[in-house]
Protein backbone atom coordinates (compact mmCIF):
# COMPACT_ATOMS: atom_id res chain seq x y z
CA MET A 1 71.54 -6.73 10.04
CA THR A 2 68.40 -5.76 11.81
CA TYR A 3 67.35 -6.77 15.14
CA LEU A 4 64.67 -6.59 17.51
CA SER A 5 65.04 -3.83 19.99
CA ILE A 6 64.77 -4.26 23.97
CA VAL A 7 62.49 -1.65 24.98
CA GLU A 8 62.51 -2.51 28.24
CA VAL A 9 64.61 -4.20 31.11
CA LEU A 10 62.91 -5.60 34.19
CA GLY A 11 65.54 -7.08 36.73
CA ARG A 12 68.11 -9.72 36.80
CA ALA A 13 67.15 -13.28 36.78
CA ASP A 14 68.31 -15.14 41.15
CA GLN A 15 69.50 -18.21 39.16
CA GLY A 16 72.53 -19.05 37.08
CA VAL A 17 76.45 -17.65 37.11
CA THR A 18 75.45 -15.28 34.02
CA ARG A 19 72.11 -13.72 36.13
CA PRO A 20 70.58 -12.93 32.59
CA PHE A 21 68.56 -10.08 32.73
CA ARG A 22 64.51 -10.19 32.03
CA CYS A 23 63.68 -8.21 29.07
CA ARG A 24 61.14 -7.10 26.66
CA ALA A 25 61.64 -6.37 23.09
CA GLU A 26 60.01 -4.36 20.99
CA ASP A 27 57.38 -7.75 19.84
CA GLY A 28 56.03 -7.30 23.59
CA LYS A 29 57.54 -10.70 24.56
CA LEU A 30 59.60 -11.59 27.60
CA TYR A 31 63.38 -13.07 26.90
CA TYR A 32 65.88 -14.36 29.21
CA VAL A 33 69.22 -11.75 27.70
CA LYS A 34 72.63 -12.31 28.35
CA GLY A 35 75.18 -9.66 26.95
CA ARG A 36 78.26 -8.30 27.61
CA HIS A 37 78.24 -9.09 31.17
CA ALA A 38 78.33 -13.12 30.05
CA SER A 39 81.47 -12.39 27.80
CA ARG A 40 81.36 -13.13 24.31
CA ARG A 41 82.60 -16.60 24.26
CA SER A 42 79.60 -17.05 26.03
CA GLN A 43 77.44 -15.42 23.78
CA ILE A 44 78.55 -17.52 21.23
CA CYS A 45 78.89 -21.30 22.92
CA GLU A 46 74.83 -19.97 23.51
CA TRP A 47 74.04 -18.89 20.03
CA ILE A 48 76.01 -21.94 17.92
CA ALA A 49 74.90 -24.77 20.99
CA GLY A 50 71.39 -23.13 20.66
CA HIS A 51 71.46 -23.99 17.13
CA LEU A 52 73.05 -27.27 16.89
CA GLY A 53 70.69 -28.39 19.69
CA VAL A 54 67.20 -27.80 17.69
CA GLY A 55 68.76 -29.47 14.64
CA PHE A 56 69.55 -32.22 17.16
CA GLY A 57 65.24 -32.11 18.01
CA LEU A 58 65.99 -31.21 21.81
CA PRO A 59 63.48 -29.17 23.02
CA ILE A 60 65.41 -25.45 23.31
CA PRO A 61 62.41 -22.32 23.80
CA PRO A 62 63.39 -19.97 20.75
CA PHE A 63 66.10 -17.56 20.91
CA GLU A 64 66.99 -14.52 18.93
CA VAL A 65 69.73 -12.13 18.44
CA LEU A 66 67.95 -8.73 20.41
CA ASP A 67 69.15 -5.27 20.06
CA VAL A 68 70.04 -3.15 22.95
CA PRO A 69 70.06 0.35 22.16
CA LEU A 70 72.61 2.63 24.25
CA GLU A 71 70.12 4.74 25.02
CA ILE A 72 68.22 2.59 27.61
CA VAL A 73 71.90 1.51 28.69
CA GLU A 74 72.20 4.33 30.12
CA LEU A 75 69.29 5.06 31.63
CA LEU A 76 70.25 1.51 33.99
CA PRO A 77 71.19 1.36 36.96
CA GLN A 78 75.02 1.48 37.28
CA ASP A 79 75.07 -2.67 38.22
CA TRP A 80 73.17 -3.01 35.35
CA GLN A 81 74.66 -0.95 32.85
CA GLU A 82 77.04 -4.21 32.31
CA LEU A 83 74.56 -5.56 30.15
CA GLY A 84 75.69 -3.26 27.48
CA SER A 85 74.53 -2.28 23.85
CA GLY A 86 74.20 -3.45 20.97
CA PRO A 87 73.74 -7.37 19.82
CA VAL A 88 72.56 -9.79 22.34
CA PHE A 89 71.69 -13.33 22.90
CA GLY A 90 68.04 -13.77 24.09
CA SER A 91 66.21 -16.69 25.01
CA LEU A 92 62.33 -16.44 24.95
CA ALA A 93 60.67 -17.08 28.73
CA HIS A 94 59.34 -19.86 29.06
CA ALA A 95 56.08 -19.15 31.22
CA LEU A 96 55.13 -21.32 34.06
CA SER A 97 57.98 -23.83 33.74
CA ILE A 98 60.45 -24.63 37.07
CA GLU A 99 63.95 -25.76 37.44
CA MET A 100 63.62 -29.64 36.94
CA THR A 101 64.27 -31.73 40.35
CA TRP A 102 65.59 -35.44 40.81
CA PRO A 103 62.34 -37.02 41.04
CA GLN A 104 60.81 -35.60 38.00
CA ILE A 105 64.02 -37.25 36.01
CA LYS A 106 61.34 -40.61 35.76
CA SER A 107 58.85 -38.44 33.91
CA VAL A 108 61.49 -37.51 31.11
CA PRO A 109 60.96 -40.07 28.46
CA PRO A 110 64.04 -42.14 27.78
CA LYS A 111 64.57 -41.34 24.43
CA MET A 112 65.01 -37.35 25.41
CA ARG A 113 67.17 -38.11 27.89
CA SER A 114 69.50 -40.15 25.72
CA ASP A 115 69.44 -37.85 23.08
CA ILE A 116 70.22 -35.12 25.39
CA LEU A 117 73.11 -36.82 27.26
CA ILE A 118 74.82 -37.34 23.79
CA PHE A 119 74.47 -33.93 22.40
CA ASP A 120 75.51 -32.58 25.60
CA ARG A 121 78.77 -35.09 24.95
CA TRP A 122 79.11 -34.12 21.37
CA VAL A 123 79.09 -30.05 22.59
CA ARG A 124 81.39 -30.83 25.47
CA ASN A 125 78.99 -29.67 28.10
CA GLY A 126 79.41 -30.35 31.58
CA ASP A 127 76.63 -27.71 33.03
CA ARG A 128 73.98 -30.57 33.17
CA ASN A 129 74.40 -31.31 36.28
CA LEU A 130 72.11 -33.26 39.02
CA THR A 131 72.05 -35.99 41.84
CA GLU A 132 69.86 -36.95 44.55
CA LEU A 133 72.00 -34.09 46.91
CA GLY A 134 71.02 -31.71 44.59
CA GLY A 135 73.05 -29.57 41.57
CA ASN A 136 72.36 -27.36 38.89
CA PRO A 137 70.62 -28.86 35.95
CA ASN A 138 69.78 -26.48 33.48
CA LEU A 139 66.97 -28.00 32.27
CA LEU A 140 63.52 -26.49 33.52
CA TRP A 141 60.19 -28.68 33.56
CA ASP A 142 56.55 -27.71 32.27
CA PRO A 143 53.85 -29.16 34.54
CA THR A 144 51.46 -27.74 31.92
CA THR A 145 52.76 -29.93 29.77
CA GLU A 146 54.65 -32.35 31.30
CA ASN A 147 57.58 -32.06 29.25
CA VAL A 148 61.55 -30.89 29.79
CA VAL A 149 63.08 -27.27 28.66
CA VAL A 150 66.47 -27.81 27.62
CA ILE A 151 68.46 -24.04 28.63
CA ASP A 152 71.52 -22.87 29.33
CA GLN A 153 74.34 -23.87 26.65
CA ASN A 154 76.81 -21.26 27.54
CA GLN A 155 79.10 -23.28 28.55
CA ALA A 156 79.79 -25.87 25.70
CA PHE A 157 82.63 -26.23 23.47
CA ASP A 158 84.59 -26.35 26.98
CA GLY A 159 88.22 -27.12 26.26
CA ASP A 160 88.77 -28.39 30.14
CA PHE A 161 86.37 -31.04 29.26
CA ASP A 162 86.47 -34.17 31.61
CA HIS A 163 84.31 -37.05 30.21
CA SER A 164 84.87 -39.33 33.31
CA LEU A 165 83.44 -36.18 35.49
CA PHE A 166 80.92 -35.97 32.61
CA LEU A 167 79.68 -39.34 33.32
CA GLU A 168 79.66 -38.84 37.28
CA SER A 169 77.29 -35.91 37.62
CA HIS A 170 75.31 -35.25 33.81
CA ILE A 171 71.54 -35.61 35.08
CA PHE A 172 70.74 -38.39 32.88
CA ARG A 173 74.36 -40.13 33.34
CA MET A 174 72.74 -43.69 34.10
CA GLU A 175 71.34 -43.55 30.18
CA TRP A 176 75.23 -44.18 28.80
CA ALA A 177 75.61 -47.49 29.20
CA VAL A 178 72.15 -48.73 27.83
CA ILE A 179 74.00 -46.58 25.05
CA ALA A 180 77.04 -46.87 24.55
CA GLY A 181 76.19 -50.90 24.82
CA ASP A 182 73.66 -50.75 22.23
CA CYS A 183 75.62 -50.94 18.65
CA VAL A 184 72.60 -50.00 16.44
CA SER A 185 72.01 -47.22 18.99
CA ARG A 186 75.49 -45.69 18.50
CA ALA A 187 75.68 -45.97 14.79
CA GLU A 188 71.93 -43.51 14.60
CA TYR A 189 73.73 -41.32 17.05
CA GLU A 190 76.71 -41.14 14.89
CA GLN A 191 74.78 -40.75 11.65
CA ARG A 192 72.58 -38.15 13.27
CA LEU A 193 75.79 -36.10 14.88
CA GLU A 194 77.82 -36.20 11.57
CA ALA A 195 74.66 -35.11 9.43
CA LEU A 196 73.94 -32.04 11.87
CA ALA A 197 78.17 -31.03 12.04
CA PRO A 198 77.76 -28.20 9.00
CA LYS A 199 74.48 -26.32 10.91
CA PHE A 200 78.11 -25.28 13.55
CA LEU A 201 79.30 -23.66 10.00
CA GLU A 202 75.57 -21.83 9.20
CA ALA A 203 75.28 -20.63 13.03
CA CYS A 204 78.86 -19.42 12.55
CA ASP A 205 77.64 -17.09 9.30
CA ALA A 206 74.98 -16.16 11.08
CA THR A 207 76.59 -15.28 14.26
CA PRO A 208 76.75 -10.85 15.03
CA LYS A 209 80.21 -9.66 14.14
CA GLU A 210 80.54 -8.09 17.15
CA TRP A 211 80.36 -11.44 19.42
CA TRP A 212 83.60 -12.10 17.64
CA TRP A 213 85.92 -9.30 19.54
CA VAL A 214 86.24 -8.53 22.96
CA GLY A 215 87.79 -5.04 22.23
CA GLU A 216 89.06 -3.00 20.00
CA GLY A 217 91.61 -5.13 18.29
CA VAL A 218 91.07 -8.07 20.70
CA PRO A 219 89.93 -11.14 19.43
CA THR A 220 87.42 -13.78 21.06
CA SER A 221 88.55 -17.10 22.56
CA PHE A 222 85.91 -18.96 20.18
CA ASP A 223 88.42 -20.58 18.47
CA ALA A 224 86.25 -21.75 15.83
CA LYS A 225 87.98 -23.86 13.12
CA ALA A 226 88.79 -25.77 16.59
CA VAL A 227 85.68 -26.25 17.87
CA TYR A 228 84.88 -27.90 14.47
CA GLU A 229 87.20 -29.95 13.89
CA GLN A 230 86.80 -31.24 17.69
CA LEU A 231 83.02 -31.83 16.65
CA LEU A 232 84.01 -33.52 13.40
CA ALA A 233 86.31 -35.52 15.55
CA SER A 234 83.69 -36.37 18.08
CA SER A 235 81.01 -37.52 16.21
CA GLN A 236 81.96 -41.14 16.02
CA GLY A 237 84.40 -43.86 17.51
CA ASP A 238 86.18 -42.92 20.43
CA GLY A 239 85.81 -39.32 20.08
CA LEU A 240 82.14 -39.71 21.22
CA TRP A 241 82.06 -42.81 23.16
CA GLY A 242 85.83 -43.34 24.24
CA GLY A 243 87.18 -41.16 27.56
CA ALA A 244 89.64 -38.91 25.26
CA LYS A 245 89.74 -35.33 26.46
């Protein structure tokens, strides 16, 4: 498989647990890149949840598998070399966007707030939190188009996901009662998720083979079979709307 090559590493993001690298690829575009430093599981989660999110209709920036040539890594400062060589996850930089703040929540259409909330619940992503006191929403706001931009799915498919905590902290948690109490809305979301689930398998097949291994003969902790079964179970009924972990 041939991927776009990274030709320049410009620095690291100030925010985000994994502090992705800002890189320019051979297509001339800027990407936020997550390599070996972010963990193989993180790369897989970004890739697969990203494909599912796009299929669900979420405004996720275009993303690619990029290639970091070894010769570029060898020229980087020591603390940047943890980027690693080989295939990496790259999300196209979204110019002019800023991190979403509490006052901007009401500017997001109710349907989009609901979609993001239900999608995060489905993929067990508890990493989109914001209250009046602050937090880490992992959402951007584009002031030029007045649209939300969804980023950072690396915490999806959390084996320790807590439904109650999710509903206490998610940025759009106030939409839950409205959706969960509406039989029509529930049925529509269940149908959408059930139809979307097979895309998980397609995304797995398109995942770089290198990401499935953390080292020579050592597989990643991402259990694709178990995650897929969990998605199917969470696409409807108590698996989605109940408090089961």
